[in-house]
Amino acid sequence: MANTVIDPVVDQDWLRAHAGDVVLADVRWYLDGRSGRAAYQEGHLPGAVFIDLDTALAGPASPAEGRHPLPDPRVFAAAMSAAGIGDADTVVAYDDAGGVVAARLVWLLRAIGCEAALLDGGLPGYDGELTPEPPARPAATFTPREWPAGRLASLADTVAGGYVVLDAREAARFRGDAEPVDPRPGHIPGARSLPCRENLTGDGRFLPVARLRERFAAVGVDGATEVISYCGSGVTACHNLLAMEHAGLGRGRLYPGSWSQYSHTDRPAATGD
């Protein structure tokens, strides 16, 4: 399959111009246990299919692998097929959190050469009517493909040095002030804090590219550096990778295990800024 040419972020004007040529995907998910599927059923963008983070975009959780390890490629392919997403489809994904969850679907698709992008502003920024009706999309053919090693980083890679390692979690979790989910507070020693939600303006849209480039430059990412991105469980880390690519700074690597894997090891945890 050809390399992707679509930018990782598209706006509503782009969506309107290409409405008949894309598959919309609703990827709402909530850390507090609320149901993304229930939210989808209450109202979603017309034509959007629902993609479940836990079953389609992640494998079984474990202390050894983390809370959201990458799904088996066959499981991922089956989920795409069932949703009506085929090999040649262009996917535009959204959520109601600035794209920090939907980024996982977009990153996975782009990693294997599929056309996919985040809808800037997501559901809150949509200016049309929502619908509770699911689309009548037939199943499609989506071919399983292995996750490319060059786009991934292991725990060993992440601590080996030679990369700029970015932590996408909120600054308080990076510092170790609070840890609501994982066994230990803190961050991977040497990592640099780049909270993914700060890639966005107050209305949930991406910052201008020039401002994104400034944010990345402040943590040592200049387009020539090798980057590994992590977060709590490898989901919101994808948002930083897409923002980086959107800003013209290249493609980094995802550490899927992220803090939810690292914090179960006996490796040291750093705290503070």
C-alpha atoms as a PDB file:
ATOM      1  CA  MET A   1       0.000   0.000   0.000  1.00  0.00           C
ATOM      2  CA  ALA A   2       1.267   3.485  -0.809  1.00  0.00           C
ATOM      3  CA  ASN A   3       2.531   5.820   1.876  1.00  0.00           C
ATOM      4  CA  THR A   4      -0.021   8.230   3.288  1.00  0.00           C
ATOM      5  CA  VAL A   5      -0.338  11.636   1.683  1.00  0.00           C
ATOM      6  CA  ILE A   6      -3.207  13.086   3.714  1.00  0.00           C
ATOM      7  CA  ASP A   7      -2.165  15.422   6.534  1.00  0.00           C
ATOM      8  CA  PRO A   8      -2.753  13.888   9.982  1.00  0.00           C
ATOM      9  CA  VAL A   9      -5.165  16.720  10.858  1.00  0.00           C
ATOM     10  CA  VAL A  10      -8.084  17.919   8.699  1.00  0.00           C
ATOM     11  CA  ASP A  11     -10.738  20.526   9.402  1.00  0.00           C
ATOM     12  CA  GLN A  12     -14.477  20.662   8.794  1.00  0.00           C
ATOM     13  CA  ASP A  13     -14.065  22.435   5.467  1.00  0.00           C
ATOM     14  CA  TRP A  14     -11.866  19.579   4.247  1.00  0.00           C
ATOM     15  CA  LEU A  15     -14.393  17.067   5.549  1.00  0.00           C
ATOM     16  CA  ARG A  16     -17.271  18.780   3.742  1.00  0.00           C
ATOM     17  CA  ALA A  17     -15.287  18.785   0.510  1.00  0.00           C
ATOM     18  CA  HIS A  18     -14.501  15.063   0.821  1.00  0.00           C
ATOM     19  CA  ALA A  19     -17.604  13.863   2.662  1.00  0.00           C
ATOM     20  CA  GLY A  20     -18.391  11.132   0.160  1.00  0.00           C
ATOM     21  CA  ASP A  21     -14.847   9.851   0.049  1.00  0.00           C
ATOM     22  CA  VAL A  22     -14.091   9.139   3.714  1.00  0.00           C
ATOM     23  CA  VAL A  23     -15.223   6.894   6.536  1.00  0.00           C
ATOM     24  CA  LEU A  24     -15.914   8.806   9.747  1.00  0.00           C
ATOM     25  CA  ALA A  25     -14.930   6.996  12.943  1.00  0.00           C
ATOM     26  CA  ASP A  26     -16.134   7.904  16.443  1.00  0.00           C
ATOM     27  CA  VAL A  27     -13.503   6.832  18.987  1.00  0.00           C
ATOM     28  CA  ARG A  28     -14.879   8.184  22.231  1.00  0.00           C
ATOM     29  CA  TRP A  29     -13.521   6.554  25.397  1.00  0.00           C
ATOM     30  CA  TYR A  30     -13.377   7.681  29.012  1.00  0.00           C
ATOM     31  CA  LEU A  31     -10.824   6.912  31.703  1.00  0.00           C
ATOM     32  CA  ASP A  32     -13.526   7.331  34.371  1.00  0.00           C
ATOM     33  CA  GLY A  33     -15.430   4.286  33.100  1.00  0.00           C
ATOM     34  CA  ARG A  34     -18.200   5.996  31.142  1.00  0.00           C
ATOM     35  CA  SER A  35     -19.189   4.162  27.993  1.00  0.00           C
ATOM     36  CA  GLY A  36     -17.969   5.597  24.708  1.00  0.00           C
ATOM     37  CA  ARG A  37     -20.394   3.341  22.863  1.00  0.00           C
ATOM     38  CA  ALA A  38     -23.321   4.685  24.887  1.00  0.00           C
ATOM     39  CA  ALA A  39     -22.240   8.240  24.082  1.00  0.00           C
ATOM     40  CA  TYR A  40     -22.057   7.288  20.397  1.00  0.00           C
ATOM     41  CA  GLN A  41     -25.544   5.795  20.522  1.00  0.00           C
ATOM     42  CA  GLU A  42     -26.937   9.003  22.003  1.00  0.00           C
ATOM     43  CA  GLY A  43     -25.627  11.046  19.096  1.00  0.00           C
ATOM     44  CA  HIS A  44     -22.722  11.073  16.651  1.00  0.00           C
ATOM     45  CA  LEU A  45     -21.685  12.664  13.382  1.00  0.00           C
ATOM     46  CA  PRO A  46     -23.862  11.381  10.523  1.00  0.00           C
ATOM     47  CA  GLY A  47     -22.321   8.342   8.873  1.00  0.00           C
ATOM     48  CA  ALA A  48     -19.783   7.721  11.629  1.00  0.00           C
ATOM     49  CA  VAL A  49     -18.986   4.190  12.749  1.00  0.00           C
ATOM     50  CA  PHE A  50     -17.980   3.449  16.335  1.00  0.00           C
ATOM     51  CA  ILE A  51     -14.514   2.060  17.066  1.00  0.00           C
ATOM     52  CA  ASP A  52     -13.942   0.710  20.565  1.00  0.00           C
ATOM     53  CA  LEU A  53     -10.530   1.477  22.033  1.00  0.00           C
ATOM     54  CA  ASP A  54     -10.413  -1.497  24.384  1.00  0.00           C
ATOM     55  CA  THR A  55     -11.368  -4.210  21.895  1.00  0.00           C
ATOM     56  CA  ALA A  56     -10.270  -2.847  18.493  1.00  0.00           C
ATOM     57  CA  LEU A  57      -7.268  -0.674  19.260  1.00  0.00           C
ATOM     58  CA  ALA A  58      -5.651  -2.545  22.154  1.00  0.00           C
ATOM     59  CA  GLY A  59      -4.772  -6.053  23.239  1.00  0.00           C
ATOM     60  CA  PRO A  60      -5.451  -7.559  26.665  1.00  0.00           C
ATOM     61  CA  ALA A  61      -4.056  -5.500  29.532  1.00  0.00           C
ATOM     62  CA  SER A  62      -1.383  -6.929  31.815  1.00  0.00           C
ATOM     63  CA  PRO A  63       1.350  -5.621  34.132  1.00  0.00           C
ATOM     64  CA  ALA A  64       3.935  -7.010  31.723  1.00  0.00           C
ATOM     65  CA  GLU A  65       2.535  -5.309  28.614  1.00  0.00           C
ATOM     66  CA  GLY A  66       0.624  -2.313  29.979  1.00  0.00           C
ATOM     67  CA  ARG A  67      -2.999  -1.194  29.960  1.00  0.00           C
ATOM     68  CA  HIS A  68      -3.353  -0.747  26.194  1.00  0.00           C
ATOM     69  CA  PRO A  69      -0.768  -2.852  24.349  1.00  0.00           C
ATOM     70  CA  LEU A  70      -1.082  -2.901  20.590  1.00  0.00           C
ATOM     71  CA  PRO A  71      -3.806  -5.221  19.315  1.00  0.00           C
ATOM     72  CA  ASP A  72      -2.948  -8.327  17.353  1.00  0.00           C
ATOM     73  CA  PRO A  73      -2.957  -7.192  13.692  1.00  0.00           C
ATOM     74  CA  ARG A  74      -5.620  -9.786  12.898  1.00  0.00           C
ATOM     75  CA  VAL A  75      -7.888  -8.490  15.660  1.00  0.00           C
ATOM     76  CA  PHE A  76      -7.390  -4.923  14.448  1.00  0.00           C
ATOM     77  CA  ALA A  77      -8.099  -5.928  10.846  1.00  0.00           C
ATOM     78  CA  ALA A  78     -11.252  -7.808  11.850  1.00  0.00           C
ATOM     79  CA  ALA A  79     -12.518  -4.765  13.763  1.00  0.00           C
ATOM     80  CA  MET A  80     -11.882  -2.484  10.798  1.00  0.00           C
ATOM     81  CA  SER A  81     -13.595  -4.933   8.447  1.00  0.00           C
ATOM     82  CA  ALA A  82     -16.628  -5.254  10.707  1.00  0.00           C
ATOM     83  CA  ALA A  83     -16.935  -1.469  10.886  1.00  0.00           C
ATOM     84  CA  GLY A  84     -16.913  -1.234   7.101  1.00  0.00           C
ATOM     85  CA  ILE A  85     -13.387   0.162   6.805  1.00  0.00           C
ATOM     86  CA  GLY A  86     -11.496  -1.364   3.888  1.00  0.00           C
ATOM     87  CA  ASP A  87      -7.903  -1.318   2.715  1.00  0.00           C
ATOM     88  CA  ALA A  88      -8.446   1.588   0.332  1.00  0.00           C
ATOM     89  CA  ASP A  89     -10.619   3.748   2.603  1.00  0.00           C
ATOM     90  CA  THR A  90      -9.634   7.115   4.008  1.00  0.00           C
ATOM     91  CA  VAL A  91     -10.612   7.389   7.680  1.00  0.00           C
ATOM     92  CA  VAL A  92     -11.295  10.615   9.566  1.00  0.00           C
ATOM     93  CA  ALA A  93     -11.537   9.983  13.296  1.00  0.00           C
ATOM     94  CA  TYR A  94     -12.808  12.129  16.137  1.00  0.00           C
ATOM     95  CA  ASP A  95     -13.695  12.068  19.816  1.00  0.00           C
ATOM     96  CA  ASP A  96     -14.872  14.710  22.273  1.00  0.00           C
ATOM     97  CA  ALA A  97     -11.466  15.274  23.891  1.00  0.00           C
ATOM     98  CA  GLY A  98      -9.457  17.106  21.268  1.00  0.00           C
ATOM     99  CA  GLY A  99      -8.508  13.912  19.476  1.00  0.00           C
ATOM    100  CA  VAL A 100      -6.313  12.503  22.249  1.00  0.00           C
ATOM    101  CA  VAL A 101      -8.148   9.142  22.091  1.00  0.00           C
ATOM    102  CA  ALA A 102      -8.993   9.080  18.380  1.00  0.00           C
ATOM    103  CA  ALA A 103      -5.279   9.682  17.735  1.00  0.00           C
ATOM    104  CA  ARG A 104      -4.655   6.008  18.527  1.00  0.00           C
ATOM    105  CA  LEU A 105      -6.765   4.839  15.570  1.00  0.00           C
ATOM    106  CA  VAL A 106      -5.280   7.442  13.236  1.00  0.00           C
ATOM    107  CA  TRP A 107      -1.714   6.600  14.251  1.00  0.00           C
ATOM    108  CA  LEU A 108      -2.240   2.841  13.864  1.00  0.00           C
ATOM    109  CA  LEU A 109      -3.739   3.269  10.401  1.00  0.00           C
ATOM    110  CA  ARG A 110      -1.016   5.649   9.233  1.00  0.00           C
ATOM    111  CA  ALA A 111       1.682   3.368  10.645  1.00  0.00           C
ATOM    112  CA  ILE A 112       0.632   0.629   8.235  1.00  0.00           C
ATOM    113  CA  GLY A 113       0.250   2.960   5.267  1.00  0.00           C
ATOM    114  CA  CYS A 114      -3.470   3.717   5.360  1.00  0.00           C
ATOM    115  CA  GLU A 115      -4.985   7.150   4.812  1.00  0.00           C
ATOM    116  CA  ALA A 116      -6.239   8.552   8.112  1.00  0.00           C
ATOM    117  CA  ALA A 117      -6.546  11.882   9.895  1.00  0.00           C
ATOM    118  CA  LEU A 118      -7.980  13.512  12.996  1.00  0.00           C
ATOM    119  CA  LEU A 119     -10.942  15.857  12.620  1.00  0.00           C
ATOM    120  CA  ASP A 120      -9.748  19.132  14.106  1.00  0.00           C
ATOM    121  CA  GLY A 121     -12.103  20.223  16.873  1.00  0.00           C
ATOM    122  CA  GLY A 122     -13.740  16.813  16.993  1.00  0.00           C
ATOM    123  CA  LEU A 123     -17.335  16.386  18.029  1.00  0.00           C
ATOM    124  CA  PRO A 124     -17.595  19.635  20.070  1.00  0.00           C
ATOM    125  CA  GLY A 125     -16.466  21.650  17.041  1.00  0.00           C
ATOM    126  CA  TYR A 126     -18.871  20.020  14.600  1.00  0.00           C
ATOM    127  CA  ASP A 127     -21.408  22.546  13.323  1.00  0.00           C
ATOM    128  CA  GLY A 128     -24.033  20.111  11.999  1.00  0.00           C
ATOM    129  CA  GLU A 129     -26.735  17.965  13.550  1.00  0.00           C
ATOM    130  CA  LEU A 130     -25.848  14.749  15.373  1.00  0.00           C
ATOM    131  CA  THR A 131     -27.772  11.526  14.875  1.00  0.00           C
ATOM    132  CA  PRO A 132     -28.361   8.397  16.986  1.00  0.00           C
ATOM    133  CA  GLU A 133     -28.719   6.267  13.850  1.00  0.00           C
ATOM    134  CA  PRO A 134     -25.800   3.961  13.003  1.00  0.00           C
ATOM    135  CA  PRO A 135     -24.760   3.905   9.350  1.00  0.00           C
ATOM    136  CA  ALA A 136     -25.659   0.948   7.184  1.00  0.00           C
ATOM    137  CA  ARG A 137     -22.106   0.158   6.136  1.00  0.00           C
ATOM    138  CA  PRO A 138     -21.433  -3.362   4.838  1.00  0.00           C
ATOM    139  CA  ALA A 139     -18.398  -5.249   6.072  1.00  0.00           C
ATOM    140  CA  ALA A 140     -15.240  -4.493   4.103  1.00  0.00           C
ATOM    141  CA  THR A 141     -11.950  -6.214   3.351  1.00  0.00           C
ATOM    142  CA  PHE A 142      -9.125  -5.012   5.559  1.00  0.00           C
ATOM    143  CA  THR A 143      -5.898  -6.992   5.249  1.00  0.00           C
ATOM    144  CA  PRO A 144      -3.971  -7.750   8.456  1.00  0.00           C
ATOM    145  CA  ARG A 145      -0.521  -6.134   8.434  1.00  0.00           C
ATOM    146  CA  GLU A 146       2.188  -6.402  11.050  1.00  0.00           C
ATOM    147  CA  TRP A 147       2.956  -3.270  13.035  1.00  0.00           C
ATOM    148  CA  PRO A 148       6.145  -1.828  11.519  1.00  0.00           C
ATOM    149  CA  ALA A 149       9.109  -2.169  13.862  1.00  0.00           C
ATOM    150  CA  GLY A 150      10.489   1.156  12.701  1.00  0.00           C
ATOM    151  CA  ARG A 151       7.493   3.012  14.130  1.00  0.00           C
ATOM    152  CA  LEU A 152       7.627   1.330  17.544  1.00  0.00           C
ATOM    153  CA  ALA A 153       9.917   1.504  20.563  1.00  0.00           C
ATOM    154  CA  SER A 154      10.341  -1.092  23.277  1.00  0.00           C
ATOM    155  CA  LEU A 155      11.043  -0.352  26.920  1.00  0.00           C
ATOM    156  CA  ALA A 156      14.718  -1.112  26.216  1.00  0.00           C
ATOM    157  CA  ASP A 157      14.754   1.343  23.307  1.00  0.00           C
ATOM    158  CA  THR A 158      13.152   4.025  25.435  1.00  0.00           C
ATOM    159  CA  VAL A 159      15.755   3.871  28.201  1.00  0.00           C
ATOM    160  CA  ALA A 160      18.772   3.255  25.956  1.00  0.00           C
ATOM    161  CA  GLY A 161      19.486   6.899  25.163  1.00  0.00           C
ATOM    162  CA  GLY A 162      19.928   8.475  21.768  1.00  0.00           C
ATOM    163  CA  TYR A 163      16.287   9.584  21.517  1.00  0.00           C
ATOM    164  CA  VAL A 164      14.288  12.543  22.717  1.00  0.00           C
ATOM    165  CA  VAL A 165      11.696  10.819  24.905  1.00  0.00           C
ATOM    166  CA  LEU A 166       8.420  12.732  25.249  1.00  0.00           C
ATOM    167  CA  ASP A 167       5.836  12.181  27.993  1.00  0.00           C
ATOM    168  CA  ALA A 168       2.337  13.171  26.843  1.00  0.00           C
ATOM    169  CA  ARG A 169       0.663  13.028  30.267  1.00  0.00           C
ATOM    170  CA  GLU A 170      -0.390  16.053  32.285  1.00  0.00           C
ATOM    171  CA  ALA A 171       2.484  17.864  33.972  1.00  0.00           C
ATOM    172  CA  ALA A 172       1.304  16.834  37.456  1.00  0.00           C
ATOM    173  CA  ARG A 173       1.562  13.140  36.559  1.00  0.00           C
ATOM    174  CA  PHE A 174       4.949  13.697  34.931  1.00  0.00           C
ATOM    175  CA  ARG A 175       6.236  15.390  38.109  1.00  0.00           C
ATOM    176  CA  GLY A 176       4.806  12.631  40.267  1.00  0.00           C
ATOM    177  CA  ASP A 177       2.467  14.957  42.161  1.00  0.00           C
ATOM    178  CA  ALA A 178      -0.381  12.518  41.518  1.00  0.00           C
ATOM    179  CA  GLU A 179      -0.831   9.116  39.914  1.00  0.00           C
ATOM    180  CA  PRO A 180      -4.487   8.100  39.649  1.00  0.00           C
ATOM    181  CA  VAL A 181      -4.052   4.935  37.579  1.00  0.00           C
ATOM    182  CA  ASP A 182      -0.625   3.288  37.652  1.00  0.00           C
ATOM    183  CA  PRO A 183       1.356   1.707  40.522  1.00  0.00           C
ATOM    184  CA  ARG A 184       4.028   4.394  40.917  1.00  0.00           C
ATOM    185  CA  PRO A 185       4.169   8.155  40.354  1.00  0.00           C
ATOM    186  CA  GLY A 186       6.809   9.907  38.293  1.00  0.00           C
ATOM    187  CA  HIS A 187       8.294   9.543  34.833  1.00  0.00           C
ATOM    188  CA  ILE A 188      10.982   7.703  32.889  1.00  0.00           C
ATOM    189  CA  PRO A 189      14.327   9.289  33.773  1.00  0.00           C
ATOM    190  CA  GLY A 190      15.454  11.637  31.032  1.00  0.00           C
ATOM    191  CA  ALA A 191      11.984  12.061  29.529  1.00  0.00           C
ATOM    192  CA  ARG A 192      10.705  15.522  28.713  1.00  0.00           C
ATOM    193  CA  SER A 193       7.198  16.698  29.543  1.00  0.00           C
ATOM    194  CA  LEU A 194       5.005  17.641  26.563  1.00  0.00           C
ATOM    195  CA  PRO A 195       1.363  17.339  27.683  1.00  0.00           C
ATOM    196  CA  CYS A 196      -0.609  16.420  24.581  1.00  0.00           C
ATOM    197  CA  ARG A 197      -3.679  18.426  25.550  1.00  0.00           C
ATOM    198  CA  GLU A 198      -1.539  21.545  25.320  1.00  0.00           C
ATOM    199  CA  ASN A 199      -1.234  20.942  21.569  1.00  0.00           C
ATOM    200  CA  LEU A 200      -4.734  22.427  21.474  1.00  0.00           C
ATOM    201  CA  THR A 201      -6.359  25.814  21.852  1.00  0.00           C
ATOM    202  CA  GLY A 202      -9.114  26.402  24.373  1.00  0.00           C
ATOM    203  CA  ASP A 203     -11.749  25.325  21.850  1.00  0.00           C
ATOM    204  CA  GLY A 204     -10.103  21.941  21.276  1.00  0.00           C
ATOM    205  CA  ARG A 205      -8.493  22.710  17.922  1.00  0.00           C
ATOM    206  CA  PHE A 206      -4.817  22.300  17.141  1.00  0.00           C
ATOM    207  CA  LEU A 207      -2.510  25.224  17.715  1.00  0.00           C
ATOM    208  CA  PRO A 208      -1.173  26.883  14.558  1.00  0.00           C
ATOM    209  CA  VAL A 209       1.733  24.962  13.062  1.00  0.00           C
ATOM    210  CA  ALA A 210       4.237  27.690  13.990  1.00  0.00           C
ATOM    211  CA  ARG A 211       3.168  27.460  17.636  1.00  0.00           C
ATOM    212  CA  LEU A 212       3.356  23.654  17.585  1.00  0.00           C
ATOM    213  CA  ARG A 213       6.892  23.882  16.223  1.00  0.00           C
ATOM    214  CA  GLU A 214       7.812  26.191  19.086  1.00  0.00           C
ATOM    215  CA  ARG A 215       6.412  23.720  21.609  1.00  0.00           C
ATOM    216  CA  PHE A 216       8.415  20.872  20.161  1.00  0.00           C
ATOM    217  CA  ALA A 217      11.561  22.965  19.823  1.00  0.00           C
ATOM    218  CA  ALA A 218      11.354  23.798  23.528  1.00  0.00           C
ATOM    219  CA  VAL A 219      11.805  20.088  24.355  1.00  0.00           C
ATOM    220  CA  GLY A 220      14.524  19.494  21.781  1.00  0.00           C
ATOM    221  CA  VAL A 221      12.526  18.302  18.764  1.00  0.00           C
ATOM    222  CA  ASP A 222      13.673  20.094  15.622  1.00  0.00           C
ATOM    223  CA  GLY A 223      12.868  17.705  12.789  1.00  0.00           C
ATOM    224  CA  ALA A 224      16.282  16.071  12.859  1.00  0.00           C
ATOM    225  CA  THR A 225      15.974  14.381  16.239  1.00  0.00           C
ATOM    226  CA  GLU A 226      14.804  10.804  16.808  1.00  0.00           C
ATOM    227  CA  VAL A 227      11.721  10.859  19.035  1.00  0.00           C
ATOM    228  CA  ILE A 228       9.966   8.290  21.227  1.00  0.00           C
ATOM    229  CA  SER A 229       6.555   9.221  22.595  1.00  0.00           C
ATOM    230  CA  TYR A 230       4.852   7.663  25.616  1.00  0.00           C
ATOM    231  CA  CYS A 231       2.020   8.465  28.003  1.00  0.00           C
ATOM    232  CA  GLY A 232       0.068   6.420  30.539  1.00  0.00           C
ATOM    233  CA  SER A 233      -0.791   3.527  28.243  1.00  0.00           C
ATOM    234  CA  GLY A 234       0.281   4.397  24.702  1.00  0.00           C
ATOM    235  CA  VAL A 235      -2.949   6.121  23.628  1.00  0.00           C
ATOM    236  CA  THR A 236      -2.531   9.871  24.091  1.00  0.00           C
ATOM    237  CA  ALA A 237       1.158   9.516  23.145  1.00  0.00           C
ATOM    238  CA  CYS A 238      -0.142   9.134  19.592  1.00  0.00           C
ATOM    239  CA  HIS A 239      -1.509  12.691  19.770  1.00  0.00           C
ATOM    240  CA  ASN A 240       2.008  14.079  20.218  1.00  0.00           C
ATOM    241  CA  LEU A 241       3.250  11.975  17.307  1.00  0.00           C
ATOM    242  CA  LEU A 242       0.477  13.232  15.028  1.00  0.00           C
ATOM    243  CA  ALA A 243       1.011  16.832  16.172  1.00  0.00           C
ATOM    244  CA  MET A 244       4.714  16.446  15.464  1.00  0.00           C
ATOM    245  CA  GLU A 245       4.030  15.151  11.956  1.00  0.00           C
ATOM    246  CA  HIS A 246       1.390  17.854  11.364  1.00  0.00           C
ATOM    247  CA  ALA A 247       4.033  20.445  12.277  1.00  0.00           C
ATOM    248  CA  GLY A 248       6.435  19.056   9.685  1.00  0.00           C
ATOM    249  CA  LEU A 249       8.841  17.577  12.221  1.00  0.00           C
ATOM    250  CA  GLY A 250       8.841  14.005  10.964  1.00  0.00           C
ATOM    251  CA  ARG A 251       7.519  10.782  12.408  1.00  0.00           C
ATOM    252  CA  GLY A 252       8.576   9.519  15.801  1.00  0.00           C
ATOM    253  CA  ARG A 253       8.173   6.149  17.481  1.00  0.00           C
ATOM    254  CA  LEU A 254       5.467   5.015  19.884  1.00  0.00           C
ATOM    255  CA  TYR A 255       6.348   3.209  23.115  1.00  0.00           C
ATOM    256  CA  PRO A 256       3.090   1.238  23.489  1.00  0.00           C
ATOM    257  CA  GLY A 257       3.685  -0.051  27.016  1.00  0.00           C
ATOM    258  CA  SER A 258       4.285   3.482  28.280  1.00  0.00           C
ATOM    259  CA  TRP A 259       4.136   4.284  31.998  1.00  0.00           C
ATOM    260  CA  SER A 260       1.596   1.512  32.640  1.00  0.00           C
ATOM    261  CA  GLN A 261       4.313  -0.998  31.710  1.00  0.00           C
ATOM    262  CA  TYR A 262       7.358   0.850  33.034  1.00  0.00           C
ATOM    263  CA  SER A 263       5.803   1.495  36.457  1.00  0.00           C
ATOM    264  CA  HIS A 264       5.433  -2.247  37.030  1.00  0.00           C
ATOM    265  CA  THR A 265       9.181  -2.787  36.658  1.00  0.00           C
ATOM    266  CA  ASP A 266      11.917  -2.184  39.232  1.00  0.00           C
ATOM    267  CA  ARG A 267      13.503   0.525  37.091  1.00  0.00           C
ATOM    268  CA  PRO A 268      13.916   3.952  38.710  1.00  0.00           C
ATOM    269  CA  ALA A 269      11.209   6.596  38.469  1.00  0.00           C
ATOM    270  CA  ALA A 270      12.106  10.260  38.271  1.00  0.00           C
ATOM    271  CA  THR A 271       9.980  12.975  39.890  1.00  0.00           C
ATOM    272  CA  GLY A 272       9.821  16.745  39.602  1.00  0.00           C
ATOM    273  CA  ASP A 273      10.233  18.876  36.492  1.00  0.00           C
END
